[in-house]
Amino acid sequence: MALFRRPQPMARTIGAATTLFGVLGTTAMGVATVNKFQTLDQAGIVDRSYRLAHNWGQVKWDALSVAGFSFGFLFGPTSFGGRLRTGFVGMAIGTFAWAAQNAISKTHKTDVEALKNMVQ
């Protein structure tokens, strides 16, 4: 399996691009979060923290991103040009998995609601 022995040009490019966007996105979100929390008082910070911690979509997204990063970091160190790059690729895959699952569940919920309305 020559693909896993050394980085291939396409895999290396994907790894580099994903790492770049991962670092830029993480930095931008960090700056935006600091900016948002500077405008809140103590009660607002507690409220925002509670909402983030108990929002099922956010919790699921965080879990899939962390799982993807961990899996990529631990099990794919050579495919995309290094552990960090492979971790960011895994994080992107986890994010896409969340988006796909979210879209499917919304479609399913809409279908169930339509069936309920037809029965009534």
PDB file of N, CA and C in Angstrom:
ATOM      1  N   MET A   1       0.836  -1.169   0.000  1.00  0.00           N
ATOM      2  CA  MET A   1       0.000   0.000   0.000  1.00  0.00           C
ATOM      3  C   MET A   1       0.890   1.244   0.000  1.00  0.00           C
ATOM      4  N   ALA A   2       1.237   1.661  -1.175  1.00  0.00           N
ATOM      5  CA  ALA A   2       2.161   2.778  -1.334  1.00  0.00           C
ATOM      6  C   ALA A   2       1.549   4.103  -0.875  1.00  0.00           C
ATOM      7  N   LEU A   3       0.229   4.207  -0.856  1.00  0.00           N
ATOM      8  CA  LEU A   3      -0.415   5.452  -0.457  1.00  0.00           C
ATOM      9  C   LEU A   3      -0.055   5.831   0.977  1.00  0.00           C
ATOM     10  N   PHE A   4       0.101   4.849   1.849  1.00  0.00           N
ATOM     11  CA  PHE A   4       0.353   5.132   3.257  1.00  0.00           C
ATOM     12  C   PHE A   4       1.833   5.190   3.615  1.00  0.00           C
ATOM     13  N   ARG A   5       2.721   4.888   2.699  1.00  0.00           N
ATOM     14  CA  ARG A   5       4.153   4.905   2.998  1.00  0.00           C
ATOM     15  C   ARG A   5       4.738   6.304   3.004  1.00  0.00           C
ATOM     16  N   ARG A   6       4.358   7.117   2.060  1.00  0.00           N
ATOM     17  CA  ARG A   6       4.849   8.497   2.023  1.00  0.00           C
ATOM     18  C   ARG A   6       3.743   9.383   1.447  1.00  0.00           C
ATOM     19  N   PRO A   7       3.776  10.638   1.766  1.00  0.00           N
ATOM     20  CA  PRO A   7       2.712  11.528   1.311  1.00  0.00           C
ATOM     21  C   PRO A   7       2.670  11.649  -0.212  1.00  0.00           C
ATOM     22  N   GLN A   8       1.493  11.556  -0.750  1.00  0.00           N
ATOM     23  CA  GLN A   8       1.277  11.758  -2.170  1.00  0.00           C
ATOM     24  C   GLN A   8       1.001  13.243  -2.413  1.00  0.00           C
ATOM     25  N   PRO A   9       1.287  13.761  -3.603  1.00  0.00           N
ATOM     26  CA  PRO A   9       1.103  15.206  -3.851  1.00  0.00           C
ATOM     27  C   PRO A   9      -0.319  15.698  -3.580  1.00  0.00           C
ATOM     28  N   MET A  10      -1.334  14.960  -4.002  1.00  0.00           N
ATOM     29  CA  MET A  10      -2.720  15.396  -3.796  1.00  0.00           C
ATOM     30  C   MET A  10      -3.070  15.373  -2.312  1.00  0.00           C
ATOM     31  N   ALA A  11      -2.689  14.308  -1.635  1.00  0.00           N
ATOM     32  CA  ALA A  11      -2.971  14.206  -0.200  1.00  0.00           C
ATOM     33  C   ALA A  11      -2.237  15.291   0.571  1.00  0.00           C
ATOM     34  N   ARG A  12      -1.020  15.576   0.176  1.00  0.00           N
ATOM     35  CA  ARG A  12      -0.242  16.622   0.851  1.00  0.00           C
ATOM     36  C   ARG A  12      -0.897  17.994   0.636  1.00  0.00           C
ATOM     37  N   THR A  13      -1.394  18.254  -0.560  1.00  0.00           N
ATOM     38  CA  THR A  13      -2.069  19.520  -0.849  1.00  0.00           C
ATOM     39  C   THR A  13      -3.348  19.647  -0.033  1.00  0.00           C
ATOM     40  N   ILE A  14      -4.119  18.577   0.033  1.00  0.00           N
ATOM     41  CA  ILE A  14      -5.339  18.587   0.848  1.00  0.00           C
ATOM     42  C   ILE A  14      -4.988  18.821   2.309  1.00  0.00           C
ATOM     43  N   GLY A  15      -3.959  18.144   2.781  1.00  0.00           N
ATOM     44  CA  GLY A  15      -3.532  18.322   4.168  1.00  0.00           C
ATOM     45  C   GLY A  15      -3.093  19.742   4.458  1.00  0.00           C
ATOM     46  N   ALA A  16      -2.326  20.335   3.545  1.00  0.00           N
ATOM     47  CA  ALA A  16      -1.847  21.709   3.755  1.00  0.00           C
ATOM     48  C   ALA A  16      -3.010  22.700   3.744  1.00  0.00           C
ATOM     49  N   ALA A  17      -3.920  22.545   2.797  1.00  0.00           N
ATOM     50  CA  ALA A  17      -5.057  23.463   2.711  1.00  0.00           C
ATOM     51  C   ALA A  17      -5.961  23.333   3.933  1.00  0.00           C
ATOM     52  N   THR A  18      -6.225  22.120   4.356  1.00  0.00           N
ATOM     53  CA  THR A  18      -7.076  21.906   5.520  1.00  0.00           C
ATOM     54  C   THR A  18      -6.435  22.466   6.782  1.00  0.00           C
ATOM     55  N   THR A  19      -5.129  22.287   6.901  1.00  0.00           N
ATOM     56  CA  THR A  19      -4.421  22.837   8.062  1.00  0.00           C
ATOM     57  C   THR A  19      -4.486  24.357   8.055  1.00  0.00           C
ATOM     58  N   LEU A  20      -4.251  24.966   6.911  1.00  0.00           N
ATOM     59  CA  LEU A  20      -4.304  26.417   6.805  1.00  0.00           C
ATOM     60  C   LEU A  20      -5.681  26.942   7.214  1.00  0.00           C
ATOM     61  N   PHE A  21      -6.743  26.362   6.631  1.00  0.00           N
ATOM     62  CA  PHE A  21      -8.089  26.818   6.963  1.00  0.00           C
ATOM     63  C   PHE A  21      -8.455  26.486   8.399  1.00  0.00           C
ATOM     64  N   GLY A  22      -7.966  25.373   8.914  1.00  0.00           N
ATOM     65  CA  GLY A  22      -8.213  25.027  10.312  1.00  0.00           C
ATOM     66  C   GLY A  22      -7.590  26.028  11.262  1.00  0.00           C
ATOM     67  N   VAL A  23      -6.347  26.401  11.001  1.00  0.00           N
ATOM     68  CA  VAL A  23      -5.654  27.375  11.854  1.00  0.00           C
ATOM     69  C   VAL A  23      -6.310  28.752  11.727  1.00  0.00           C
ATOM     70  N   LEU A  24      -6.612  29.175  10.499  1.00  0.00           N
ATOM     71  CA  LEU A  24      -7.258  30.477  10.306  1.00  0.00           C
ATOM     72  C   LEU A  24      -8.650  30.514  10.943  1.00  0.00           C
ATOM     73  N   GLY A  25      -9.408  29.449  10.755  1.00  0.00           N
ATOM     74  CA  GLY A  25     -10.752  29.389  11.340  1.00  0.00           C
ATOM     75  C   GLY A  25     -10.723  29.375  12.852  1.00  0.00           C
ATOM     76  N   THR A  26      -9.798  28.610  13.422  1.00  0.00           N
ATOM     77  CA  THR A  26      -9.677  28.562  14.878  1.00  0.00           C
ATOM     78  C   THR A  26      -9.272  29.923  15.430  1.00  0.00           C
ATOM     79  N   THR A  27      -8.347  30.590  14.764  1.00  0.00           N
ATOM     80  CA  THR A  27      -7.919  31.924  15.200  1.00  0.00           C
ATOM     81  C   THR A  27      -9.068  32.922  15.095  1.00  0.00           C
ATOM     82  N   ALA A  28      -9.773  32.907  13.980  1.00  0.00           N
ATOM     83  CA  ALA A  28     -10.887  33.841  13.793  1.00  0.00           C
ATOM     84  C   ALA A  28     -11.984  33.607  14.828  1.00  0.00           C
ATOM     85  N   MET A  29     -12.309  32.358  15.096  1.00  0.00           N
ATOM     86  CA  MET A  29     -13.334  32.056  16.094  1.00  0.00           C
ATOM     87  C   MET A  29     -12.880  32.469  17.488  1.00  0.00           C
ATOM     88  N   GLY A  30     -11.602  32.296  17.788  1.00  0.00           N
ATOM     89  CA  GLY A  30     -11.082  32.730  19.083  1.00  0.00           C
ATOM     90  C   GLY A  30     -11.191  34.234  19.265  1.00  0.00           C
ATOM     91  N   VAL A  31     -10.818  34.975  18.230  1.00  0.00           N
ATOM     92  CA  VAL A  31     -10.911  36.441  18.292  1.00  0.00           C
ATOM     93  C   VAL A  31     -12.373  36.875  18.415  1.00  0.00           C
ATOM     94  N   ALA A  32     -13.256  36.261  17.640  1.00  0.00           N
ATOM     95  CA  ALA A  32     -14.682  36.615  17.699  1.00  0.00           C
ATOM     96  C   ALA A  32     -15.270  36.295  19.075  1.00  0.00           C
ATOM     97  N   THR A  33     -14.869  35.183  19.654  1.00  0.00           N
ATOM     98  CA  THR A  33     -15.370  34.805  20.979  1.00  0.00           C
ATOM     99  C   THR A  33     -14.905  35.784  22.044  1.00  0.00           C
ATOM    100  N   VAL A  34     -13.627  36.151  22.006  1.00  0.00           N
ATOM    101  CA  VAL A  34     -13.106  37.129  22.969  1.00  0.00           C
ATOM    102  C   VAL A  34     -13.848  38.455  22.808  1.00  0.00           C
ATOM    103  N   ASN A  35     -14.057  38.883  21.573  1.00  0.00           N
ATOM    104  CA  ASN A  35     -14.765  40.135  21.314  1.00  0.00           C
ATOM    105  C   ASN A  35     -16.194  40.076  21.842  1.00  0.00           C
ATOM    106  N   LYS A  36     -16.870  38.963  21.610  1.00  0.00           N
ATOM    107  CA  LYS A  36     -18.255  38.818  22.064  1.00  0.00           C
ATOM    108  C   LYS A  36     -18.333  38.829  23.587  1.00  0.00           C
ATOM    109  N   PHE A  37     -17.432  38.112  24.252  1.00  0.00           N
ATOM    110  CA  PHE A  37     -17.484  38.033  25.706  1.00  0.00           C
ATOM    111  C   PHE A  37     -17.066  39.342  26.367  1.00  0.00           C
ATOM    112  N   GLN A  38     -16.323  40.203  25.685  1.00  0.00           N
ATOM    113  CA  GLN A  38     -15.954  41.496  26.262  1.00  0.00           C
ATOM    114  C   GLN A  38     -17.149  42.420  26.380  1.00  0.00           C
ATOM    115  N   THR A  39     -18.162  42.214  25.553  1.00  0.00           N
ATOM    116  CA  THR A  39     -19.343  43.072  25.591  1.00  0.00           C
ATOM    117  C   THR A  39     -20.419  42.548  26.537  1.00  0.00           C
ATOM    118  N   LEU A  40     -20.217  41.375  27.142  1.00  0.00           N
ATOM    119  CA  LEU A  40     -21.213  40.789  28.032  1.00  0.00           C
ATOM    120  C   LEU A  40     -20.860  41.033  29.493  1.00  0.00           C
ATOM    121  N   ASP A  41     -21.888  41.144  30.334  1.00  0.00           N
ATOM    122  CA  ASP A  41     -21.645  41.196  31.763  1.00  0.00           C
ATOM    123  C   ASP A  41     -21.571  39.760  32.304  1.00  0.00           C
ATOM    124  N   GLN A  42     -21.418  39.613  33.612  1.00  0.00           N
ATOM    125  CA  GLN A  42     -21.250  38.280  34.213  1.00  0.00           C
ATOM    126  C   GLN A  42     -22.450  37.372  33.931  1.00  0.00           C
ATOM    127  N   ALA A  43     -23.662  37.908  34.061  1.00  0.00           N
ATOM    128  CA  ALA A  43     -24.862  37.106  33.802  1.00  0.00           C
ATOM    129  C   ALA A  43     -24.929  36.685  32.328  1.00  0.00           C
ATOM    130  N   GLY A  44     -24.526  37.574  31.434  1.00  0.00           N
ATOM    131  CA  GLY A  44     -24.525  37.240  30.012  1.00  0.00           C
ATOM    132  C   GLY A  44     -23.528  36.157  29.673  1.00  0.00           C
ATOM    133  N   ILE A  45     -22.369  36.179  30.321  1.00  0.00           N
ATOM    134  CA  ILE A  45     -21.360  35.136  30.095  1.00  0.00           C
ATOM    135  C   ILE A  45     -21.864  33.789  30.584  1.00  0.00           C
ATOM    136  N   VAL A  46     -22.476  33.778  31.760  1.00  0.00           N
ATOM    137  CA  VAL A  46     -23.021  32.524  32.299  1.00  0.00           C
ATOM    138  C   VAL A  46     -24.119  32.000  31.382  1.00  0.00           C
ATOM    139  N   ASP A  47     -24.999  32.885  30.911  1.00  0.00           N
ATOM    140  CA  ASP A  47     -26.079  32.478  30.019  1.00  0.00           C
ATOM    141  C   ASP A  47     -25.536  31.916  28.707  1.00  0.00           C
ATOM    142  N   ARG A  48     -24.556  32.597  28.113  1.00  0.00           N
ATOM    143  CA  ARG A  48     -23.972  32.138  26.842  1.00  0.00           C
ATOM    144  C   ARG A  48     -23.275  30.802  27.022  1.00  0.00           C
ATOM    145  N   SER A  49     -22.551  30.655  28.112  1.00  0.00           N
ATOM    146  CA  SER A  49     -21.854  29.391  28.381  1.00  0.00           C
ATOM    147  C   SER A  49     -22.847  28.252  28.562  1.00  0.00           C
ATOM    148  N   TYR A  50     -23.927  28.510  29.283  1.00  0.00           N
ATOM    149  CA  TYR A  50     -24.953  27.483  29.486  1.00  0.00           C
ATOM    150  C   TYR A  50     -25.578  27.074  28.158  1.00  0.00           C
ATOM    151  N   ARG A  51     -25.892  28.066  27.330  1.00  0.00           N
ATOM    152  CA  ARG A  51     -26.513  27.758  26.039  1.00  0.00           C
ATOM    153  C   ARG A  51     -25.586  26.926  25.149  1.00  0.00           C
ATOM    154  N   LEU A  52     -24.302  27.261  25.126  1.00  0.00           N
ATOM    155  CA  LEU A  52     -23.355  26.498  24.315  1.00  0.00           C
ATOM    156  C   LEU A  52     -23.183  25.077  24.841  1.00  0.00           C
ATOM    157  N   ALA A  53     -23.122  24.936  26.154  1.00  0.00           N
ATOM    158  CA  ALA A  53     -22.895  23.612  26.748  1.00  0.00           C
ATOM    159  C   ALA A  53     -24.100  22.703  26.608  1.00  0.00           C
ATOM    160  N   HIS A  54     -25.295  23.254  26.515  1.00  0.00           N
ATOM    161  CA  HIS A  54     -26.504  22.427  26.468  1.00  0.00           C
ATOM    162  C   HIS A  54     -27.200  22.427  25.109  1.00  0.00           C
ATOM    163  N   ASN A  55     -26.595  23.045  24.118  1.00  0.00           N
ATOM    164  CA  ASN A  55     -27.128  23.015  22.758  1.00  0.00           C
ATOM    165  C   ASN A  55     -26.690  21.701  22.126  1.00  0.00           C
ATOM    166  N   TRP A  56     -27.636  20.799  21.882  1.00  0.00           N
ATOM    167  CA  TRP A  56     -27.300  19.458  21.419  1.00  0.00           C
ATOM    168  C   TRP A  56     -26.559  19.478  20.088  1.00  0.00           C
ATOM    169  N   GLY A  57     -26.922  20.366  19.188  1.00  0.00           N
ATOM    170  CA  GLY A  57     -26.222  20.458  17.908  1.00  0.00           C
ATOM    171  C   GLY A  57     -24.767  20.870  18.084  1.00  0.00           C
ATOM    172  N   GLN A  58     -24.520  21.839  18.971  1.00  0.00           N
ATOM    173  CA  GLN A  58     -23.148  22.289  19.231  1.00  0.00           C
ATOM    174  C   GLN A  58     -22.333  21.192  19.895  1.00  0.00           C
ATOM    175  N   VAL A  59     -22.937  20.511  20.858  1.00  0.00           N
ATOM    176  CA  VAL A  59     -22.236  19.431  21.568  1.00  0.00           C
ATOM    177  C   VAL A  59     -21.879  18.311  20.600  1.00  0.00           C
ATOM    178  N   LYS A  60     -22.823  17.963  19.707  1.00  0.00           N
ATOM    179  CA  LYS A  60     -22.578  16.898  18.734  1.00  0.00           C
ATOM    180  C   LYS A  60     -21.488  17.305  17.744  1.00  0.00           C
ATOM    181  N   TRP A  61     -21.525  18.553  17.292  1.00  0.00           N
ATOM    182  CA  TRP A  61     -20.512  19.057  16.358  1.00  0.00           C
ATOM    183  C   TRP A  61     -19.137  19.030  17.010  1.00  0.00           C
ATOM    184  N   ASP A  62     -19.054  19.501  18.241  1.00  0.00           N
ATOM    185  CA  ASP A  62     -17.780  19.485  18.955  1.00  0.00           C
ATOM    186  C   ASP A  62     -17.248  18.066  19.102  1.00  0.00           C
ATOM    187  N   ALA A  63     -18.131  17.133  19.458  1.00  0.00           N
ATOM    188  CA  ALA A  63     -17.702  15.744  19.659  1.00  0.00           C
ATOM    189  C   ALA A  63     -17.201  15.121  18.360  1.00  0.00           C
ATOM    190  N   LEU A  64     -17.913  15.339  17.261  1.00  0.00           N
ATOM    191  CA  LEU A  64     -17.477  14.773  15.981  1.00  0.00           C
ATOM    192  C   LEU A  64     -16.176  15.415  15.498  1.00  0.00           C
ATOM    193  N   SER A  65     -16.005  16.707  15.733  1.00  0.00           N
ATOM    194  CA  SER A  65     -14.761  17.373  15.341  1.00  0.00           C
ATOM    195  C   SER A  65     -13.575  16.852  16.138  1.00  0.00           C
ATOM    196  N   VAL A  66     -13.760  16.708  17.445  1.00  0.00           N
ATOM    197  CA  VAL A  66     -12.682  16.200  18.295  1.00  0.00           C
ATOM    198  C   VAL A  66     -12.373  14.741  17.946  1.00  0.00           C
ATOM    199  N   ALA A  67     -13.414  13.951  17.711  1.00  0.00           N
ATOM    200  CA  ALA A  67     -13.188  12.550  17.338  1.00  0.00           C
ATOM    201  C   ALA A  67     -12.455  12.453  16.001  1.00  0.00           C
ATOM    202  N   GLY A  68     -12.855  13.271  15.033  1.00  0.00           N
ATOM    203  CA  GLY A  68     -12.181  13.270  13.736  1.00  0.00           C
ATOM    204  C   GLY A  68     -10.733  13.694  13.841  1.00  0.00           C
ATOM    205  N   PHE A  69     -10.470  14.760  14.620  1.00  0.00           N
ATOM    206  CA  PHE A  69      -9.091  15.213  14.801  1.00  0.00           C
ATOM    207  C   PHE A  69      -8.259  14.131  15.480  1.00  0.00           C
ATOM    208  N   SER A  70      -8.802  13.533  16.537  1.00  0.00           N
ATOM    209  CA  SER A  70      -8.062  12.501  17.275  1.00  0.00           C
ATOM    210  C   SER A  70      -7.765  11.294  16.397  1.00  0.00           C
ATOM    211  N   PHE A  71      -8.768  10.841  15.652  1.00  0.00           N
ATOM    212  CA  PHE A  71      -8.572   9.685  14.776  1.00  0.00           C
ATOM    213  C   PHE A  71      -7.523   9.990  13.715  1.00  0.00           C
ATOM    214  N   GLY A  72      -7.631  11.168  13.094  1.00  0.00           N
ATOM    215  CA  GLY A  72      -6.651  11.540  12.073  1.00  0.00           C
ATOM    216  C   GLY A  72      -5.256  11.697  12.647  1.00  0.00           C
ATOM    217  N   PHE A  73      -5.144  12.307  13.822  1.00  0.00           N
ATOM    218  CA  PHE A  73      -3.849  12.528  14.451  1.00  0.00           C
ATOM    219  C   PHE A  73      -3.190  11.208  14.834  1.00  0.00           C
ATOM    220  N   LEU A  74      -3.986  10.271  15.352  1.00  0.00           N
ATOM    221  CA  LEU A  74      -3.420   9.020  15.851  1.00  0.00           C
ATOM    222  C   LEU A  74      -3.168   7.976  14.767  1.00  0.00           C
ATOM    223  N   PHE A  75      -4.048   7.902  13.762  1.00  0.00           N
ATOM    224  CA  PHE A  75      -3.984   6.785  12.825  1.00  0.00           C
ATOM    225  C   PHE A  75      -3.600   7.145  11.403  1.00  0.00           C
ATOM    226  N   GLY A  76      -3.382   8.414  11.100  1.00  0.00           N
ATOM    227  CA  GLY A  76      -3.053   8.759   9.727  1.00  0.00           C
ATOM    228  C   GLY A  76      -1.874   9.686   9.595  1.00  0.00           C
ATOM    229  N   PRO A  77      -0.746   9.413  10.247  1.00  0.00           N
ATOM    230  CA  PRO A  77       0.326  10.401  10.280  1.00  0.00           C
ATOM    231  C   PRO A  77       1.059  10.632   8.967  1.00  0.00           C
ATOM    232  N   THR A  78       1.004   9.718   8.026  1.00  0.00           N
ATOM    233  CA  THR A  78       1.794   9.913   6.814  1.00  0.00           C
ATOM    234  C   THR A  78       0.961  10.291   5.595  1.00  0.00           C
ATOM    235  N   SER A  79      -0.318  10.067   5.623  1.00  0.00           N
ATOM    236  CA  SER A  79      -1.135  10.246   4.425  1.00  0.00           C
ATOM    237  C   SER A  79      -1.145  11.676   3.908  1.00  0.00           C
ATOM    238  N   PHE A  80      -1.256  12.646   4.803  1.00  0.00           N
ATOM    239  CA  PHE A  80      -1.422  14.034   4.389  1.00  0.00           C
ATOM    240  C   PHE A  80      -0.231  14.910   4.739  1.00  0.00           C
ATOM    241  N   GLY A  81       0.883  14.330   5.096  1.00  0.00           N
ATOM    242  CA  GLY A  81       2.083  15.117   5.332  1.00  0.00           C
ATOM    243  C   GLY A  81       2.350  15.473   6.771  1.00  0.00           C
ATOM    244  N   GLY A  82       1.884  14.677   7.706  1.00  0.00           N
ATOM    245  CA  GLY A  82       2.168  14.928   9.113  1.00  0.00           C
ATOM    246  C   GLY A  82       0.949  14.755   9.986  1.00  0.00           C
ATOM    247  N   ARG A  83       1.183  14.566  11.259  1.00  0.00           N
ATOM    248  CA  ARG A  83       0.088  14.300  12.199  1.00  0.00           C
ATOM    249  C   ARG A  83      -0.873  15.479  12.321  1.00  0.00           C
ATOM    250  N   LEU A  84      -0.344  16.695  12.428  1.00  0.00           N
ATOM    251  CA  LEU A  84      -1.217  17.850  12.589  1.00  0.00           C
ATOM    252  C   LEU A  84      -2.113  18.039  11.367  1.00  0.00           C
ATOM    253  N   ARG A  85      -1.539  17.910  10.196  1.00  0.00           N
ATOM    254  CA  ARG A  85      -2.340  18.039   8.962  1.00  0.00           C
ATOM    255  C   ARG A  85      -3.405  16.956   8.896  1.00  0.00           C
ATOM    256  N   THR A  86      -3.029  15.742   9.223  1.00  0.00           N
ATOM    257  CA  THR A  86      -3.998  14.650   9.178  1.00  0.00           C
ATOM    258  C   THR A  86      -5.079  14.856  10.227  1.00  0.00           C
ATOM    259  N   GLY A  87      -4.703  15.420  11.377  1.00  0.00           N
ATOM    260  CA  GLY A  87      -5.702  15.734  12.397  1.00  0.00           C
ATOM    261  C   GLY A  87      -6.711  16.746  11.910  1.00  0.00           C
ATOM    262  N   PHE A  88      -6.247  17.790  11.219  1.00  0.00           N
ATOM    263  CA  PHE A  88      -7.165  18.791  10.692  1.00  0.00           C
ATOM    264  C   PHE A  88      -8.052  18.217   9.585  1.00  0.00           C
ATOM    265  N   VAL A  89      -7.517  17.308   8.790  1.00  0.00           N
ATOM    266  CA  VAL A  89      -8.349  16.635   7.786  1.00  0.00           C
ATOM    267  C   VAL A  89      -9.434  15.832   8.488  1.00  0.00           C
ATOM    268  N   GLY A  90      -9.064  15.124   9.562  1.00  0.00           N
ATOM    269  CA  GLY A  90     -10.059  14.377  10.342  1.00  0.00           C
ATOM    270  C   GLY A  90     -11.113  15.283  10.944  1.00  0.00           C
ATOM    271  N   MET A  91     -10.683  16.466  11.415  1.00  0.00           N
ATOM    272  CA  MET A  91     -11.640  17.422  11.976  1.00  0.00           C
ATOM    273  C   MET A  91     -12.615  17.898  10.902  1.00  0.00           C
ATOM    274  N   ALA A  92     -12.104  18.149   9.709  1.00  0.00           N
ATOM    275  CA  ALA A  92     -12.979  18.571   8.605  1.00  0.00           C
ATOM    276  C   ALA A  92     -13.969  17.468   8.255  1.00  0.00           C
ATOM    277  N   ILE A  93     -13.513  16.234   8.250  1.00  0.00           N
ATOM    278  CA  ILE A  93     -14.412  15.108   7.968  1.00  0.00           C
ATOM    279  C   ILE A  93     -15.480  15.000   9.054  1.00  0.00           C
ATOM    280  N   GLY A  94     -15.086  15.198  10.315  1.00  0.00           N
ATOM    281  CA  GLY A  94     -16.059  15.190  11.404  1.00  0.00           C
ATOM    282  C   GLY A  94     -17.098  16.291  11.252  1.00  0.00           C
ATOM    283  N   THR A  95     -16.651  17.466  10.807  1.00  0.00           N
ATOM    284  CA  THR A  95     -17.572  18.578  10.590  1.00  0.00           C
ATOM    285  C   THR A  95     -18.533  18.268   9.450  1.00  0.00           C
ATOM    286  N   PHE A  96     -18.024  17.691   8.362  1.00  0.00           N
ATOM    287  CA  PHE A  96     -18.893  17.310   7.246  1.00  0.00           C
ATOM    288  C   PHE A  96     -19.870  16.209   7.665  1.00  0.00           C
ATOM    289  N   ALA A  97     -19.428  15.294   8.521  1.00  0.00           N
ATOM    290  CA  ALA A  97     -20.319  14.240   9.016  1.00  0.00           C
ATOM    291  C   ALA A  97     -21.463  14.853   9.819  1.00  0.00           C
ATOM    292  N   TRP A  98     -21.134  15.855  10.648  1.00  0.00           N
ATOM    293  CA  TRP A  98     -22.176  16.522  11.428  1.00  0.00           C
ATOM    294  C   TRP A  98     -23.163  17.221  10.492  1.00  0.00           C
ATOM    295  N   ALA A  99     -22.649  17.927   9.497  1.00  0.00           N
ATOM    296  CA  ALA A  99     -23.524  18.654   8.572  1.00  0.00           C
ATOM    297  C   ALA A  99     -24.442  17.700   7.815  1.00  0.00           C
ATOM    298  N   ALA A 100     -23.897  16.573   7.381  1.00  0.00           N
ATOM    299  CA  ALA A 100     -24.714  15.590   6.657  1.00  0.00           C
ATOM    300  C   ALA A 100     -25.781  15.003   7.578  1.00  0.00           C
ATOM    301  N   GLN A 101     -25.392  14.649   8.791  1.00  0.00           N
ATOM    302  CA  GLN A 101     -26.344  14.077   9.744  1.00  0.00           C
ATOM    303  C   GLN A 101     -27.417  15.104  10.092  1.00  0.00           C
ATOM    304  N   ASN A 102     -27.030  16.359  10.244  1.00  0.00           N
ATOM    305  CA  ASN A 102     -27.975  17.420  10.572  1.00  0.00           C
ATOM    306  C   ASN A 102     -28.973  17.626   9.427  1.00  0.00           C
ATOM    307  N   ALA A 103     -28.478  17.617   8.202  1.00  0.00           N
ATOM    308  CA  ALA A 103     -29.367  17.781   7.043  1.00  0.00           C
ATOM    309  C   ALA A 103     -30.329  16.609   6.932  1.00  0.00           C
ATOM    310  N   ILE A 104     -29.835  15.400   7.170  1.00  0.00           N
ATOM    311  CA  ILE A 104     -30.693  14.209   7.086  1.00  0.00           C
ATOM    312  C   ILE A 104     -31.754  14.242   8.175  1.00  0.00           C
ATOM    313  N   SER A 105     -31.360  14.614   9.396  1.00  0.00           N
ATOM    314  CA  SER A 105     -32.335  14.624  10.488  1.00  0.00           C
ATOM    315  C   SER A 105     -33.388  15.705  10.287  1.00  0.00           C
ATOM    316  N   LYS A 106     -33.015  16.853   9.715  1.00  0.00           N
ATOM    317  CA  LYS A 106     -34.009  17.898   9.437  1.00  0.00           C
ATOM    318  C   LYS A 106     -34.978  17.432   8.361  1.00  0.00           C
ATOM    319  N   THR A 107     -34.472  16.746   7.344  1.00  0.00           N
ATOM    320  CA  THR A 107     -35.332  16.216   6.295  1.00  0.00           C
ATOM    321  C   THR A 107     -36.285  15.188   6.880  1.00  0.00           C
ATOM    322  N   HIS A 108     -35.764  14.314   7.739  1.00  0.00           N
ATOM    323  CA  HIS A 108     -36.584  13.281   8.365  1.00  0.00           C
ATOM    324  C   HIS A 108     -37.658  13.921   9.234  1.00  0.00           C
ATOM    325  N   LYS A 109     -37.273  14.947  10.007  1.00  0.00           N
ATOM    326  CA  LYS A 109     -38.235  15.617  10.882  1.00  0.00           C
ATOM    327  C   LYS A 109     -39.342  16.256  10.058  1.00  0.00           C
ATOM    328  N   THR A 110     -38.982  16.873   8.933  1.00  0.00           N
ATOM    329  CA  THR A 110     -39.977  17.495   8.054  1.00  0.00           C
ATOM    330  C   THR A 110     -40.916  16.438   7.491  1.00  0.00           C
ATOM    331  N   ASP A 111     -40.379  15.289   7.094  1.00  0.00           N
ATOM    332  CA  ASP A 111     -41.208  14.206   6.565  1.00  0.00           C
ATOM    333  C   ASP A 111     -42.163  13.674   7.629  1.00  0.00           C
ATOM    334  N   VAL A 112     -41.676  13.517   8.860  1.00  0.00           N
ATOM    335  CA  VAL A 112     -42.523  13.013   9.943  1.00  0.00           C
ATOM    336  C   VAL A 112     -43.638  14.008  10.223  1.00  0.00           C
ATOM    337  N   GLU A 113     -43.319  15.297  10.254  1.00  0.00           N
ATOM    338  CA  GLU A 113     -44.346  16.330  10.486  1.00  0.00           C
ATOM    339  C   GLU A 113     -45.388  16.302   9.371  1.00  0.00           C
ATOM    340  N   ALA A 114     -44.969  16.132   8.131  1.00  0.00           N
ATOM    341  CA  ALA A 114     -45.911  16.077   7.016  1.00  0.00           C
ATOM    342  C   ALA A 114     -46.834  14.870   7.151  1.00  0.00           C
ATOM    343  N   LEU A 115     -46.290  13.729   7.557  1.00  0.00           N
ATOM    344  CA  LEU A 115     -47.121  12.534   7.759  1.00  0.00           C
ATOM    345  C   LEU A 115     -48.106  12.730   8.900  1.00  0.00           C
ATOM    346  N   LYS A 116     -47.672  13.364   9.971  1.00  0.00           N
ATOM    347  CA  LYS A 116     -48.572  13.624  11.092  1.00  0.00           C
ATOM    348  C   LYS A 116     -49.722  14.531  10.655  1.00  0.00           C
ATOM    349  N   ASN A 117     -49.409  15.533   9.857  1.00  0.00           N
ATOM    350  CA  ASN A 117     -50.460  16.445   9.376  1.00  0.00           C
ATOM    351  C   ASN A 117     -51.425  15.741   8.442  1.00  0.00           C
ATOM    352  N   MET A 118     -50.932  14.780   7.648  1.00  0.00           N
ATOM    353  CA  MET A 118     -51.799  14.035   6.747  1.00  0.00           C
ATOM    354  C   MET A 118     -52.758  13.145   7.524  1.00  0.00           C
ATOM    355  N   VAL A 119     -52.280  12.578   8.625  1.00  0.00           N
ATOM    356  CA  VAL A 119     -53.114  11.667   9.421  1.00  0.00           C
ATOM    357  C   VAL A 119     -54.202  12.432  10.146  1.00  0.00           C
ATOM    358  N   GLN A 120     -53.906  13.646  10.598  1.00  0.00           N
ATOM    359  CA  GLN A 120     -54.896  14.409  11.352  1.00  0.00           C
ATOM    360  C   GLN A 120     -55.925  14.966  10.470  1.00  0.00           C
TER     361      GLN A 120
END
